[in-house]
Amino acid sequence: MTHIITEPCVGTKDTACVDVCPVDCIYGKDEDWEALYIHPEECIDCGLCVDACPVSAIFPEEEVPDQWQKWIAINYEHFDLEPPG
């Protein structure tokens, strides 16, 4: 599985999650994107990013809250991948 960065990340410039990722699968630190994105095919599901996120925006894909479910597709599509489901 992968982790998904959701709406609370939008507009924040904190990149603590990027710094703790052991496989460098979180992108956008040096980009002018609305949020950071986790590459679903590179994520090893370690969860280190969850604890590092100061705005509680990162969830395991299967635990994304209902109000942010659309962010699963947004994340996959950002990398030109087909969303699950």
N, C-alpha and C. Protein backbone atom coordinates (compact mmCIF):
# COMPACT_ATOMS: atom_id res chain seq x y z
N MET A 1 0.83 -1.20 0.00
CA MET A 1 0.00 0.00 0.00
C MET A 1 0.87 1.25 0.00
N THR A 2 0.22 2.35 -0.19
CA THR A 2 0.89 3.63 -0.19
C THR A 2 0.23 4.55 0.84
N HIS A 3 0.83 5.66 1.05
CA HIS A 3 0.25 6.70 1.89
C HIS A 3 -0.21 7.84 0.98
N ILE A 4 -1.19 8.58 1.44
CA ILE A 4 -1.77 9.67 0.66
C ILE A 4 -1.67 10.97 1.44
N ILE A 5 -1.21 12.02 0.78
CA ILE A 5 -1.20 13.35 1.39
C ILE A 5 -2.50 14.02 1.00
N THR A 6 -3.21 14.56 1.99
CA THR A 6 -4.55 15.09 1.77
C THR A 6 -4.60 16.61 1.94
N GLU A 7 -5.80 17.15 1.86
CA GLU A 7 -6.05 18.59 1.81
C GLU A 7 -5.36 19.45 2.87
N PRO A 8 -5.19 18.99 4.11
CA PRO A 8 -4.52 19.88 5.07
C PRO A 8 -3.11 20.31 4.65
N CYS A 9 -2.51 19.61 3.71
CA CYS A 9 -1.18 19.97 3.22
C CYS A 9 -1.22 21.17 2.28
N VAL A 10 -2.36 21.42 1.66
CA VAL A 10 -2.47 22.49 0.67
C VAL A 10 -2.10 23.83 1.32
N GLY A 11 -1.14 24.49 0.68
CA GLY A 11 -0.73 25.80 1.14
C GLY A 11 0.33 25.80 2.22
N THR A 12 0.59 24.66 2.83
CA THR A 12 1.65 24.62 3.84
C THR A 12 2.98 24.46 3.11
N LYS A 13 3.99 24.96 3.70
CA LYS A 13 5.32 24.85 3.10
C LYS A 13 6.23 23.96 3.92
N ASP A 14 5.66 23.26 4.90
CA ASP A 14 6.45 22.37 5.74
C ASP A 14 6.78 21.11 4.96
N THR A 15 8.02 20.71 5.00
CA THR A 15 8.45 19.53 4.26
C THR A 15 9.11 18.49 5.16
N ALA A 16 8.71 18.46 6.42
CA ALA A 16 9.29 17.51 7.37
C ALA A 16 9.11 16.07 6.89
N CYS A 17 8.00 15.79 6.22
CA CYS A 17 7.75 14.43 5.73
C CYS A 17 8.78 14.02 4.68
N VAL A 18 9.18 14.97 3.85
CA VAL A 18 10.17 14.70 2.81
C VAL A 18 11.50 14.30 3.46
N ASP A 19 11.85 15.01 4.50
CA ASP A 19 13.14 14.80 5.15
C ASP A 19 13.25 13.44 5.84
N VAL A 20 12.13 12.85 6.28
CA VAL A 20 12.20 11.56 6.97
C VAL A 20 11.97 10.37 6.05
N CYS A 21 11.54 10.60 4.83
CA CYS A 21 11.24 9.49 3.91
C CYS A 21 12.51 8.76 3.51
N PRO A 22 12.62 7.46 3.84
CA PRO A 22 13.84 6.72 3.53
C PRO A 22 14.02 6.36 2.05
N VAL A 23 12.96 6.49 1.25
CA VAL A 23 13.07 6.14 -0.17
C VAL A 23 12.82 7.33 -1.09
N ASP A 24 12.73 8.52 -0.53
CA ASP A 24 12.56 9.75 -1.32
C ASP A 24 11.39 9.66 -2.30
N CYS A 25 10.23 9.22 -1.81
CA CYS A 25 9.08 9.08 -2.69
C CYS A 25 8.07 10.23 -2.54
N ILE A 26 8.43 11.25 -1.75
CA ILE A 26 7.55 12.41 -1.57
C ILE A 26 8.09 13.56 -2.40
N TYR A 27 7.27 14.05 -3.30
CA TYR A 27 7.72 15.05 -4.27
C TYR A 27 7.02 16.38 -4.06
N GLY A 28 7.70 17.44 -4.47
CA GLY A 28 7.12 18.78 -4.43
C GLY A 28 7.86 19.76 -3.56
N LYS A 29 8.88 19.29 -2.85
CA LYS A 29 9.61 20.17 -1.94
C LYS A 29 10.16 21.40 -2.66
N ASP A 30 10.69 21.21 -3.82
CA ASP A 30 11.29 22.31 -4.58
C ASP A 30 10.44 22.74 -5.76
N GLU A 31 9.17 22.40 -5.72
CA GLU A 31 8.25 22.74 -6.80
C GLU A 31 7.22 23.76 -6.32
N ASP A 32 6.56 24.39 -7.24
CA ASP A 32 5.51 25.33 -6.90
C ASP A 32 4.15 24.64 -7.04
N TRP A 33 3.98 23.54 -6.32
CA TRP A 33 2.74 22.77 -6.36
C TRP A 33 1.87 23.17 -5.19
N GLU A 34 0.59 22.89 -5.26
CA GLU A 34 -0.32 23.24 -4.17
C GLU A 34 -0.08 22.41 -2.92
N ALA A 35 0.51 21.23 -3.08
CA ALA A 35 0.77 20.32 -1.96
C ALA A 35 1.91 19.39 -2.34
N LEU A 36 2.32 18.56 -1.41
CA LEU A 36 3.30 17.51 -1.68
C LEU A 36 2.53 16.26 -2.11
N TYR A 37 3.20 15.37 -2.81
CA TYR A 37 2.56 14.14 -3.30
C TYR A 37 3.49 12.96 -3.09
N ILE A 38 2.91 11.82 -2.70
CA ILE A 38 3.66 10.58 -2.51
C ILE A 38 3.46 9.70 -3.75
N HIS A 39 4.57 9.28 -4.33
CA HIS A 39 4.48 8.39 -5.50
C HIS A 39 4.05 7.01 -5.03
N PRO A 40 2.87 6.56 -5.46
CA PRO A 40 2.33 5.30 -4.95
C PRO A 40 3.12 4.06 -5.31
N GLU A 41 3.90 4.10 -6.36
CA GLU A 41 4.69 2.93 -6.74
C GLU A 41 6.06 2.92 -6.06
N GLU A 42 6.43 4.00 -5.41
CA GLU A 42 7.72 4.07 -4.73
C GLU A 42 7.61 3.97 -3.22
N CYS A 43 6.43 4.27 -2.68
CA CYS A 43 6.20 4.25 -1.24
C CYS A 43 6.35 2.82 -0.70
N ILE A 44 7.11 2.68 0.39
CA ILE A 44 7.29 1.36 1.01
C ILE A 44 6.40 1.17 2.23
N ASP A 45 5.48 2.11 2.46
CA ASP A 45 4.50 1.98 3.53
C ASP A 45 5.13 1.94 4.92
N CYS A 46 6.21 2.70 5.12
CA CYS A 46 6.89 2.69 6.42
C CYS A 46 6.16 3.54 7.46
N GLY A 47 5.43 4.57 7.01
CA GLY A 47 4.66 5.41 7.92
C GLY A 47 5.43 6.52 8.61
N LEU A 48 6.71 6.66 8.34
CA LEU A 48 7.49 7.72 9.00
C LEU A 48 6.94 9.11 8.68
N CYS A 49 6.40 9.28 7.50
CA CYS A 49 5.87 10.58 7.10
C CYS A 49 4.65 10.99 7.92
N VAL A 50 3.88 10.01 8.36
CA VAL A 50 2.66 10.29 9.12
C VAL A 50 3.01 11.04 10.41
N ASP A 51 3.97 10.53 11.15
CA ASP A 51 4.36 11.16 12.41
C ASP A 51 5.07 12.50 12.19
N ALA A 52 5.73 12.66 11.07
CA ALA A 52 6.47 13.90 10.80
C ALA A 52 5.58 15.04 10.34
N CYS A 53 4.40 14.73 9.84
CA CYS A 53 3.52 15.76 9.27
C CYS A 53 2.93 16.65 10.37
N PRO A 54 3.22 17.96 10.35
CA PRO A 54 2.72 18.84 11.40
C PRO A 54 1.24 19.20 11.28
N VAL A 55 0.62 18.89 10.13
CA VAL A 55 -0.79 19.24 9.93
C VAL A 55 -1.68 18.00 9.80
N SER A 56 -1.15 16.84 10.13
CA SER A 56 -1.90 15.58 10.10
C SER A 56 -2.62 15.37 8.76
N ALA A 57 -1.85 15.50 7.68
CA ALA A 57 -2.41 15.40 6.34
C ALA A 57 -2.14 14.05 5.66
N ILE A 58 -1.35 13.19 6.28
CA ILE A 58 -0.92 11.95 5.62
C ILE A 58 -1.57 10.74 6.29
N PHE A 59 -2.12 9.87 5.43
CA PHE A 59 -2.81 8.68 5.91
C PHE A 59 -2.45 7.48 5.04
N PRO A 60 -2.46 6.27 5.62
CA PRO A 60 -2.40 5.09 4.77
C PRO A 60 -3.60 5.15 3.82
N GLU A 61 -3.42 4.72 2.59
CA GLU A 61 -4.48 4.84 1.59
C GLU A 61 -5.81 4.28 2.07
N GLU A 62 -5.79 3.16 2.77
CA GLU A 62 -7.02 2.54 3.22
C GLU A 62 -7.65 3.25 4.42
N GLU A 63 -6.97 4.26 4.97
CA GLU A 63 -7.49 4.97 6.14
C GLU A 63 -7.76 6.46 5.87
N VAL A 64 -7.74 6.86 4.62
CA VAL A 64 -8.02 8.27 4.29
C VAL A 64 -9.45 8.58 4.72
N PRO A 65 -9.63 9.64 5.54
CA PRO A 65 -10.99 10.00 5.97
C PRO A 65 -11.92 10.30 4.80
N ASP A 66 -13.19 10.07 5.01
CA ASP A 66 -14.19 10.26 3.95
C ASP A 66 -14.10 11.62 3.29
N GLN A 67 -13.91 12.68 4.08
CA GLN A 67 -13.91 14.03 3.50
C GLN A 67 -12.71 14.28 2.58
N TRP A 68 -11.70 13.42 2.62
CA TRP A 68 -10.52 13.61 1.76
C TRP A 68 -10.29 12.45 0.80
N GLN A 69 -11.30 11.62 0.57
CA GLN A 69 -11.17 10.48 -0.35
C GLN A 69 -10.74 10.91 -1.74
N LYS A 70 -11.18 12.08 -2.21
CA LYS A 70 -10.82 12.52 -3.56
C LYS A 70 -9.31 12.69 -3.72
N TRP A 71 -8.60 12.85 -2.61
CA TRP A 71 -7.15 13.03 -2.67
C TRP A 71 -6.42 11.76 -3.07
N ILE A 72 -7.06 10.62 -2.95
CA ILE A 72 -6.44 9.38 -3.43
C ILE A 72 -6.26 9.48 -4.94
N ALA A 73 -7.32 9.82 -5.65
CA ALA A 73 -7.25 9.97 -7.11
C ALA A 73 -6.31 11.11 -7.50
N ILE A 74 -6.39 12.21 -6.78
CA ILE A 74 -5.52 13.36 -7.08
C ILE A 74 -4.06 12.94 -7.01
N ASN A 75 -3.72 12.18 -5.97
CA ASN A 75 -2.35 11.74 -5.79
C ASN A 75 -1.90 10.82 -6.94
N TYR A 76 -2.69 9.83 -7.26
CA TYR A 76 -2.34 8.90 -8.34
C TYR A 76 -2.24 9.64 -9.68
N GLU A 77 -3.20 10.48 -9.96
CA GLU A 77 -3.23 11.19 -11.24
C GLU A 77 -2.07 12.17 -11.37
N HIS A 78 -1.58 12.67 -10.26
CA HIS A 78 -0.42 13.57 -10.30
C HIS A 78 0.77 12.88 -10.96
N PHE A 79 0.87 11.59 -10.79
CA PHE A 79 1.96 10.80 -11.37
C PHE A 79 1.53 10.05 -12.63
N ASP A 80 0.42 10.47 -13.21
CA ASP A 80 -0.12 9.86 -14.43
C ASP A 80 -0.39 8.36 -14.24
N LEU A 81 -0.89 8.00 -13.06
CA LEU A 81 -1.25 6.63 -12.76
C LEU A 81 -2.76 6.52 -12.61
N GLU A 82 -3.27 5.36 -12.89
CA GLU A 82 -4.70 5.09 -12.74
C GLU A 82 -5.04 4.94 -11.26
N PRO A 83 -5.99 5.71 -10.75
CA PRO A 83 -6.39 5.55 -9.35
C PRO A 83 -7.00 4.18 -9.10
N PRO A 84 -6.86 3.65 -7.89
CA PRO A 84 -7.46 2.36 -7.58
C PRO A 84 -8.98 2.43 -7.58
N GLY A 85 -9.57 1.30 -7.74
CA GLY A 85 -10.99 1.25 -7.55
C GLY A 85 -11.82 1.12 -8.72
